[in-house]
Amino acid sequence: MTTDTAPALVDIAPALADIAPALADIAPALVDIAPALVDIAPALVDIATALVDIATALVDIAPALADIAPTLADTANVVPFYKIPDS
């Protein structure tokens, strides 16, 4: 412990003492779920990788979407022939 962190540790000591019983209560549950967390970690990494891939793809198609946006806006105002109102 350095002299820089000592005052902060003294400041948080009462809070740590307050939560110690709660941490002791949940410790067995944390031990119980640890194997499951280890089991799902690879899946979470796969999901994170997929999300990065999706984000990259969205960045890649953004210019194309910007290019076609005016055309889409124009076509949104056209009434299709099958929706011509009766006179």
Protein backbone atom coordinates (compact mmCIF):
# COMPACT_ATOMS: atom_id res chain seq x y z
CA MET A 1 0.00 0.00 0.00
CA THR A 2 1.39 3.37 -0.96
CA THR A 3 0.87 6.55 1.00
CA ASP A 4 -1.31 7.77 -1.88
CA THR A 5 -3.90 5.02 -1.49
CA ALA A 6 -3.89 4.77 2.29
CA PRO A 7 -6.31 7.69 2.89
CA ALA A 8 -8.76 6.30 0.34
CA LEU A 9 -8.64 2.86 1.93
CA VAL A 10 -9.27 4.40 5.34
CA ASP A 11 -12.25 6.27 3.86
CA ILE A 12 -13.84 3.15 2.36
CA ALA A 13 -13.10 0.81 5.26
CA PRO A 14 -16.46 1.48 6.99
CA ALA A 15 -18.34 0.76 3.77
CA LEU A 16 -16.38 -2.46 3.26
CA ALA A 17 -17.19 -3.48 6.82
CA ASP A 18 -20.87 -2.80 6.12
CA ILE A 19 -20.98 -5.03 3.04
CA ALA A 20 -18.80 -7.82 4.41
CA PRO A 21 -21.78 -9.79 5.82
CA ALA A 22 -23.59 -9.59 2.49
CA LEU A 23 -20.49 -10.75 0.64
CA ALA A 24 -20.16 -13.64 3.07
CA ASP A 25 -23.79 -14.55 2.40
CA ILE A 26 -23.40 -14.67 -1.37
CA ALA A 27 -19.96 -16.31 -1.44
CA PRO A 28 -21.40 -19.86 -1.57
CA ALA A 29 -23.66 -18.91 -4.46
CA LEU A 30 -20.74 -17.39 -6.32
CA VAL A 31 -18.78 -20.59 -5.82
CA ASP A 32 -21.77 -22.56 -7.12
CA ILE A 33 -22.14 -20.52 -10.30
CA ALA A 34 -18.44 -20.22 -11.07
CA PRO A 35 -18.36 -23.43 -13.17
CA ALA A 36 -21.36 -22.28 -15.18
CA LEU A 37 -19.71 -18.92 -15.81
CA VAL A 38 -16.61 -20.73 -17.04
CA ASP A 39 -18.81 -22.89 -19.29
CA ILE A 40 -20.58 -19.92 -20.90
CA ALA A 41 -17.49 -17.73 -21.27
CA PRO A 42 -16.66 -19.06 -24.77
CA ALA A 43 -20.23 -18.43 -25.90
CA LEU A 44 -20.06 -14.89 -24.54
CA VAL A 45 -16.84 -14.34 -26.47
CA ASP A 46 -18.53 -15.66 -29.63
CA ILE A 47 -21.47 -13.31 -29.08
CA ALA A 48 -19.15 -10.37 -28.54
CA THR A 49 -17.28 -11.24 -31.73
CA ALA A 50 -20.55 -11.46 -33.66
CA LEU A 51 -21.64 -8.06 -32.31
CA VAL A 52 -18.35 -6.54 -33.45
CA ASP A 53 -18.86 -8.13 -36.88
CA ILE A 54 -22.37 -6.69 -37.08
CA ALA A 55 -21.15 -3.25 -36.04
CA THR A 56 -18.42 -3.42 -38.68
CA ALA A 57 -20.95 -4.41 -41.34
CA LEU A 58 -23.23 -1.54 -40.35
CA VAL A 59 -20.34 0.89 -40.65
CA ASP A 60 -19.50 -0.62 -44.04
CA ILE A 61 -23.05 -0.23 -45.42
CA ALA A 62 -23.69 3.21 -43.93
CA PRO A 63 -22.38 5.08 -47.01
CA ALA A 64 -24.55 2.97 -49.31
CA LEU A 65 -27.59 3.65 -47.16
CA ALA A 66 -26.80 7.36 -47.22
CA ASP A 67 -26.58 7.18 -51.03
CA ILE A 68 -29.98 5.54 -51.45
CA ALA A 69 -31.78 7.53 -48.75
CA PRO A 70 -32.99 10.27 -51.14
CA THR A 71 -34.34 7.64 -53.54
CA LEU A 72 -36.13 5.89 -50.71
CA ALA A 73 -37.60 9.19 -49.58
CA ASP A 74 -38.84 9.91 -53.11
CA THR A 75 -40.42 6.51 -53.53
CA ALA A 76 -42.13 6.73 -50.17
CA ASN A 77 -44.27 9.57 -51.54
CA VAL A 78 -45.43 7.64 -54.62
CA VAL A 79 -48.82 5.96 -54.40
CA PRO A 80 -48.60 2.43 -55.80
CA PHE A 81 -51.04 1.70 -58.63
CA TYR A 82 -52.94 -0.78 -56.50
CA LYS A 83 -53.72 1.90 -53.91
CA ILE A 84 -55.22 4.48 -56.24
CA PRO A 85 -58.25 5.84 -54.42
CA ASP A 86 -61.70 5.37 -55.91
CA SER A 87 -63.17 8.51 -57.43
